[in-house]
Amino acid sequence: MAKDNYSYKKYARELAKKKKKEAKEQRRLDKKNVQPDNEVKNPPIGPETELTGE
Protein backbone atom coordinates (compact mmCIF):
# COMPACT_ATOMS: atom_id res chain seq x y z
CA MET A 1 0.00 0.00 0.00
CA ALA A 2 1.29 3.47 -0.86
CA LYS A 3 2.20 5.96 1.84
CA ASP A 4 0.26 9.19 2.20
CA ASN A 5 1.99 12.32 1.05
CA TYR A 6 1.30 14.47 4.09
CA SER A 7 3.18 17.49 2.80
CA TYR A 8 0.93 17.56 -0.28
CA LYS A 9 -2.18 17.23 1.88
CA LYS A 10 -0.98 20.14 4.01
CA TYR A 11 -0.28 22.18 0.87
CA ALA A 12 -3.76 21.37 -0.49
CA ARG A 13 -5.38 22.40 2.82
CA GLU A 14 -3.44 25.68 2.82
CA LEU A 15 -4.47 26.38 -0.78
CA ALA A 16 -8.12 25.68 0.02
CA LYS A 17 -7.93 27.93 3.08
CA LYS A 18 -6.33 30.71 1.03
CA LYS A 19 -8.98 30.45 -1.72
CA LYS A 20 -11.77 30.52 0.85
CA LYS A 21 -10.26 33.58 2.54
CA GLU A 22 -9.90 35.41 -0.79
CA ALA A 23 -13.49 34.57 -1.75
CA LYS A 24 -14.72 35.87 1.59
CA GLU A 25 -12.73 39.09 1.18
CA GLN A 26 -14.12 39.55 -2.35
CA ARG A 27 -17.70 39.03 -1.12
CA ARG A 28 -17.08 41.57 1.63
CA LEU A 29 -15.74 44.13 -0.86
CA ASP A 30 -18.59 43.47 -3.29
CA LYS A 31 -21.12 43.96 -0.51
CA LYS A 32 -19.40 47.18 0.52
CA ASN A 33 -19.43 48.50 -3.07
CA VAL A 34 -23.05 47.50 -3.79
CA GLN A 35 -24.49 49.09 -0.68
CA PRO A 36 -24.20 52.77 -1.84
CA ASP A 37 -25.88 51.89 -5.16
CA ASN A 38 -29.08 51.03 -3.30
CA GLU A 39 -29.35 54.57 -1.95
CA VAL A 40 -31.05 57.30 -3.95
CA LYS A 41 -28.30 59.46 -5.44
CA ASN A 42 -30.41 62.32 -6.83
CA PRO A 43 -33.81 62.49 -5.14
CA PRO A 44 -36.52 64.13 -7.24
CA ILE A 45 -36.99 67.80 -6.41
CA GLY A 46 -40.59 68.57 -5.60
CA PRO A 47 -42.34 71.46 -3.89
CA GLU A 48 -41.59 70.00 -0.45
CA THR A 49 -37.86 69.46 -1.16
CA GLU A 50 -37.21 72.45 -3.42
CA LEU A 51 -34.49 74.81 -2.21
CA THR A 52 -35.15 78.53 -2.13
CA GLY A 53 -32.61 81.05 -3.34
CA GLU A 54 -33.08 83.49 -0.47
PDB file of N, CA and C in Angstrom:
ATOM      1  N   MET A   1       0.843  -1.169   0.000  1.00  0.00           N
ATOM      2  CA  MET A   1       0.000   0.000   0.000  1.00  0.00           C
ATOM      3  C   MET A   1       0.900   1.249   0.000  1.00  0.00           C
ATOM      4  N   ALA A   2       0.496   2.255  -0.735  1.00  0.00           N
ATOM      5  CA  ALA A   2       1.294   3.472  -0.856  1.00  0.00           C
ATOM      6  C   ALA A   2       1.154   4.335   0.397  1.00  0.00           C
ATOM      7  N   LYS A   3       2.219   5.067   0.683  1.00  0.00           N
ATOM      8  CA  LYS A   3       2.203   5.961   1.837  1.00  0.00           C
ATOM      9  C   LYS A   3       1.525   7.277   1.453  1.00  0.00           C
ATOM     10  N   ASP A   4       0.876   7.883   2.429  1.00  0.00           N
ATOM     11  CA  ASP A   4       0.261   9.186   2.200  1.00  0.00           C
ATOM     12  C   ASP A   4       1.335  10.257   2.078  1.00  0.00           C
ATOM     13  N   ASN A   5       1.080  11.198   1.210  1.00  0.00           N
ATOM     14  CA  ASN A   5       1.991  12.325   1.045  1.00  0.00           C
ATOM     15  C   ASN A   5       1.440  13.474   1.900  1.00  0.00           C
ATOM     16  N   TYR A   6       1.847  13.505   3.158  1.00  0.00           N
ATOM     17  CA  TYR A   6       1.296  14.474   4.095  1.00  0.00           C
ATOM     18  C   TYR A   6       1.644  15.912   3.729  1.00  0.00           C
ATOM     19  N   SER A   7       2.815  16.117   3.165  1.00  0.00           N
ATOM     20  CA  SER A   7       3.178  17.488   2.801  1.00  0.00           C
ATOM     21  C   SER A   7       2.263  18.006   1.694  1.00  0.00           C
ATOM     22  N   TYR A   8       1.855  17.135   0.763  1.00  0.00           N
ATOM     23  CA  TYR A   8       0.927  17.561  -0.284  1.00  0.00           C
ATOM     24  C   TYR A   8      -0.448  17.846   0.309  1.00  0.00           C
ATOM     25  N   LYS A   9      -0.881  17.004   1.248  1.00  0.00           N
ATOM     26  CA  LYS A   9      -2.179  17.227   1.885  1.00  0.00           C
ATOM     27  C   LYS A   9      -2.187  18.565   2.623  1.00  0.00           C
ATOM     28  N   LYS A  10      -1.087  18.867   3.298  1.00  0.00           N
ATOM     29  CA  LYS A  10      -0.981  20.143   4.010  1.00  0.00           C
ATOM     30  C   LYS A  10      -1.019  21.295   3.013  1.00  0.00           C
ATOM     31  N   TYR A  11      -0.294  21.158   1.913  1.00  0.00           N
ATOM     32  CA  TYR A  11      -0.276  22.177   0.865  1.00  0.00           C
ATOM     33  C   TYR A  11      -1.681  22.380   0.298  1.00  0.00           C
ATOM     34  N   ALA A  12      -2.399  21.282   0.054  1.00  0.00           N
ATOM     35  CA  ALA A  12      -3.756  21.367  -0.488  1.00  0.00           C
ATOM     36  C   ALA A  12      -4.691  22.057   0.505  1.00  0.00           C
ATOM     37  N   ARG A  13      -4.550  21.747   1.794  1.00  0.00           N
ATOM     38  CA  ARG A  13      -5.378  22.402   2.817  1.00  0.00           C
ATOM     39  C   ARG A  13      -5.091  23.894   2.861  1.00  0.00           C
ATOM     40  N   GLU A  14      -3.811  24.262   2.795  1.00  0.00           N
ATOM     41  CA  GLU A  14      -3.441  25.679   2.824  1.00  0.00           C
ATOM     42  C   GLU A  14      -3.979  26.415   1.604  1.00  0.00           C
ATOM     43  N   LEU A  15      -3.915  25.767   0.428  1.00  0.00           N
ATOM     44  CA  LEU A  15      -4.467  26.382  -0.783  1.00  0.00           C
ATOM     45  C   LEU A  15      -5.967  26.586  -0.652  1.00  0.00           C
ATOM     46  N   ALA A  16      -6.676  25.583  -0.154  1.00  0.00           N
ATOM     47  CA  ALA A  16      -8.123  25.681   0.018  1.00  0.00           C
ATOM     48  C   ALA A  16      -8.469  26.794   1.000  1.00  0.00           C
ATOM     49  N   LYS A  17      -7.699  26.890   2.075  1.00  0.00           N
ATOM     50  CA  LYS A  17      -7.933  27.927   3.076  1.00  0.00           C
ATOM     51  C   LYS A  17      -7.706  29.310   2.471  1.00  0.00           C
ATOM     52  N   LYS A  18      -6.651  29.435   1.662  1.00  0.00           N
ATOM     53  CA  LYS A  18      -6.333  30.715   1.027  1.00  0.00           C
ATOM     54  C   LYS A  18      -7.429  31.122   0.037  1.00  0.00           C
ATOM     55  N   LYS A  19      -7.908  30.156  -0.768  1.00  0.00           N
ATOM     56  CA  LYS A  19      -8.983  30.451  -1.721  1.00  0.00           C
ATOM     57  C   LYS A  19     -10.251  30.883  -0.999  1.00  0.00           C
ATOM     58  N   LYS A  20     -10.579  30.189   0.085  1.00  0.00           N
ATOM     59  CA  LYS A  20     -11.775  30.520   0.850  1.00  0.00           C
ATOM     60  C   LYS A  20     -11.662  31.921   1.440  1.00  0.00           C
ATOM     61  N   LYS A  21     -10.484  32.257   1.956  1.00  0.00           N
ATOM     62  CA  LYS A  21     -10.262  33.577   2.543  1.00  0.00           C
ATOM     63  C   LYS A  21     -10.386  34.668   1.478  1.00  0.00           C
ATOM     64  N   GLU A  22      -9.809  34.437   0.290  1.00  0.00           N
ATOM     65  CA  GLU A  22      -9.898  35.414  -0.792  1.00  0.00           C
ATOM     66  C   GLU A  22     -11.341  35.583  -1.260  1.00  0.00           C
ATOM     67  N   ALA A  23     -12.090  34.490  -1.344  1.00  0.00           N
ATOM     68  CA  ALA A  23     -13.494  34.567  -1.755  1.00  0.00           C
ATOM     69  C   ALA A  23     -14.298  35.366  -0.733  1.00  0.00           C
ATOM     70  N   LYS A  24     -14.025  35.140   0.535  1.00  0.00           N
ATOM     71  CA  LYS A  24     -14.724  35.867   1.593  1.00  0.00           C
ATOM     72  C   LYS A  24     -14.400  37.353   1.512  1.00  0.00           C
ATOM     73  N   GLU A  25     -13.143  37.690   1.302  1.00  0.00           N
ATOM     74  CA  GLU A  25     -12.726  39.086   1.176  1.00  0.00           C
ATOM     75  C   GLU A  25     -13.395  39.739  -0.034  1.00  0.00           C
ATOM     76  N   GLN A  26     -13.481  39.012  -1.145  1.00  0.00           N
ATOM     77  CA  GLN A  26     -14.116  39.545  -2.349  1.00  0.00           C
ATOM     78  C   GLN A  26     -15.606  39.791  -2.112  1.00  0.00           C
ATOM     79  N   ARG A  27     -16.276  38.848  -1.434  1.00  0.00           N
ATOM     80  CA  ARG A  27     -17.699  39.032  -1.124  1.00  0.00           C
ATOM     81  C   ARG A  27     -17.887  40.251  -0.236  1.00  0.00           C
ATOM     82  N   ARG A  28     -16.984  40.430   0.726  1.00  0.00           N
ATOM     83  CA  ARG A  28     -17.084  41.574   1.626  1.00  0.00           C
ATOM     84  C   ARG A  28     -16.919  42.884   0.855  1.00  0.00           C
ATOM     85  N   LEU A  29     -15.954  42.926  -0.061  1.00  0.00           N
ATOM     86  CA  LEU A  29     -15.738  44.132  -0.860  1.00  0.00           C
ATOM     87  C   LEU A  29     -16.905  44.385  -1.803  1.00  0.00           C
ATOM     88  N   ASP A  30     -17.441  43.320  -2.406  1.00  0.00           N
ATOM     89  CA  ASP A  30     -18.593  43.471  -3.291  1.00  0.00           C
ATOM     90  C   ASP A  30     -19.790  44.014  -2.523  1.00  0.00           C
ATOM     91  N   LYS A  31     -20.009  43.498  -1.332  1.00  0.00           N
ATOM     92  CA  LYS A  31     -21.125  43.956  -0.510  1.00  0.00           C
ATOM     93  C   LYS A  31     -20.936  45.425  -0.145  1.00  0.00           C
ATOM     94  N   LYS A  32     -19.707  45.795   0.159  1.00  0.00           N
ATOM     95  CA  LYS A  32     -19.400  47.180   0.523  1.00  0.00           C
ATOM     96  C   LYS A  32     -19.629  48.111  -0.670  1.00  0.00           C
ATOM     97  N   ASN A  33     -19.276  47.674  -1.878  1.00  0.00           N
ATOM     98  CA  ASN A  33     -19.430  48.500  -3.071  1.00  0.00           C
ATOM     99  C   ASN A  33     -20.871  48.561  -3.550  1.00  0.00           C
ATOM    100  N   VAL A  34     -21.664  47.537  -3.324  1.00  0.00           N
ATOM    101  CA  VAL A  34     -23.049  47.498  -3.795  1.00  0.00           C
ATOM    102  C   VAL A  34     -23.945  48.331  -2.900  1.00  0.00           C
ATOM    103  N   GLN A  35     -23.640  48.416  -1.637  1.00  0.00           N
ATOM    104  CA  GLN A  35     -24.487  49.088  -0.678  1.00  0.00           C
ATOM    105  C   GLN A  35     -24.810  50.537  -1.064  1.00  0.00           C
ATOM    106  N   PRO A  36     -23.856  51.392  -1.470  1.00  0.00           N
ATOM    107  CA  PRO A  36     -24.197  52.768  -1.838  1.00  0.00           C
ATOM    108  C   PRO A  36     -25.091  52.856  -3.076  1.00  0.00           C
ATOM    109  N   ASP A  37     -25.051  51.866  -3.968  1.00  0.00           N
ATOM    110  CA  ASP A  37     -25.876  51.893  -5.163  1.00  0.00           C
ATOM    111  C   ASP A  37     -27.354  51.770  -4.827  1.00  0.00           C
ATOM    112  N   ASN A  38     -27.690  51.195  -3.687  1.00  0.00           N
ATOM    113  CA  ASN A  38     -29.082  51.033  -3.301  1.00  0.00           C
ATOM    114  C   ASN A  38     -29.686  52.346  -2.815  1.00  0.00           C
ATOM    115  N   GLU A  39     -28.858  53.285  -2.422  1.00  0.00           N
ATOM    116  CA  GLU A  39     -29.346  54.572  -1.952  1.00  0.00           C
ATOM    117  C   GLU A  39     -29.751  55.436  -3.146  1.00  0.00           C
ATOM    118  N   VAL A  40     -30.630  56.383  -2.896  1.00  0.00           N
ATOM    119  CA  VAL A  40     -31.055  57.299  -3.951  1.00  0.00           C
ATOM    120  C   VAL A  40     -29.991  58.383  -4.070  1.00  0.00           C
ATOM    121  N   LYS A  41     -29.373  58.489  -5.249  1.00  0.00           N
ATOM    122  CA  LYS A  41     -28.295  59.456  -5.444  1.00  0.00           C
ATOM    123  C   LYS A  41     -28.848  60.867  -5.640  1.00  0.00           C
ATOM    124  N   ASN A  42     -29.811  61.025  -6.539  1.00  0.00           N
ATOM    125  CA  ASN A  42     -30.406  62.322  -6.829  1.00  0.00           C
ATOM    126  C   ASN A  42     -31.911  62.236  -6.590  1.00  0.00           C
ATOM    127  N   PRO A  43     -32.373  62.582  -5.397  1.00  0.00           N
ATOM    128  CA  PRO A  43     -33.809  62.494  -5.138  1.00  0.00           C
ATOM    129  C   PRO A  43     -34.553  63.512  -5.992  1.00  0.00           C
ATOM    130  N   PRO A  44     -35.754  63.184  -6.418  1.00  0.00           N
ATOM    131  CA  PRO A  44     -36.519  64.134  -7.241  1.00  0.00           C
ATOM    132  C   PRO A  44     -36.836  65.387  -6.430  1.00  0.00           C
ATOM    133  N   ILE A  45     -36.720  66.532  -7.084  1.00  0.00           N
ATOM    134  CA  ILE A  45     -36.985  67.798  -6.412  1.00  0.00           C
ATOM    135  C   ILE A  45     -38.445  68.148  -6.633  1.00  0.00           C
ATOM    136  N   GLY A  46     -39.171  68.224  -5.562  1.00  0.00           N
ATOM    137  CA  GLY A  46     -40.589  68.566  -5.605  1.00  0.00           C
ATOM    138  C   GLY A  46     -40.819  69.814  -4.776  1.00  0.00           C
ATOM    139  N   PRO A  47     -42.052  70.240  -4.664  1.00  0.00           N
ATOM    140  CA  PRO A  47     -42.343  71.459  -3.891  1.00  0.00           C
ATOM    141  C   PRO A  47     -41.905  71.345  -2.427  1.00  0.00           C
ATOM    142  N   GLU A  48     -41.968  70.144  -1.854  1.00  0.00           N
ATOM    143  CA  GLU A  48     -41.593  70.002  -0.450  1.00  0.00           C
ATOM    144  C   GLU A  48     -40.080  69.927  -0.259  1.00  0.00           C
ATOM    145  N   THR A  49     -39.312  69.569  -1.302  1.00  0.00           N
ATOM    146  CA  THR A  49     -37.860  69.459  -1.164  1.00  0.00           C
ATOM    147  C   THR A  49     -37.122  70.548  -1.930  1.00  0.00           C
ATOM    148  N   GLU A  50     -37.838  71.426  -2.594  1.00  0.00           N
ATOM    149  CA  GLU A  50     -37.210  72.450  -3.420  1.00  0.00           C
ATOM    150  C   GLU A  50     -36.476  73.469  -2.545  1.00  0.00           C
ATOM    151  N   LEU A  51     -35.272  73.828  -2.947  1.00  0.00           N
ATOM    152  CA  LEU A  51     -34.486  74.805  -2.211  1.00  0.00           C
ATOM    153  C   LEU A  51     -34.838  76.210  -2.685  1.00  0.00           C
ATOM    154  N   THR A  52     -34.868  77.144  -1.750  1.00  0.00           N
ATOM    155  CA  THR A  52     -35.151  78.532  -2.126  1.00  0.00           C
ATOM    156  C   THR A  52     -33.845  79.291  -2.258  1.00  0.00           C
ATOM    157  N   GLY A  53     -33.827  80.294  -3.084  1.00  0.00           N
ATOM    158  CA  GLY A  53     -32.612  81.053  -3.344  1.00  0.00           C
ATOM    159  C   GLY A  53     -32.453  82.259  -2.458  1.00  0.00           C
ATOM    160  N   GLU A  54     -33.150  82.323  -1.350  1.00  0.00           N
ATOM    161  CA  GLU A  54     -33.076  83.489  -0.474  1.00  0.00           C
ATOM    162  C   GLU A  54     -31.830  83.515   0.339  1.00  0.00           C
TER     163      GLU A  54
END
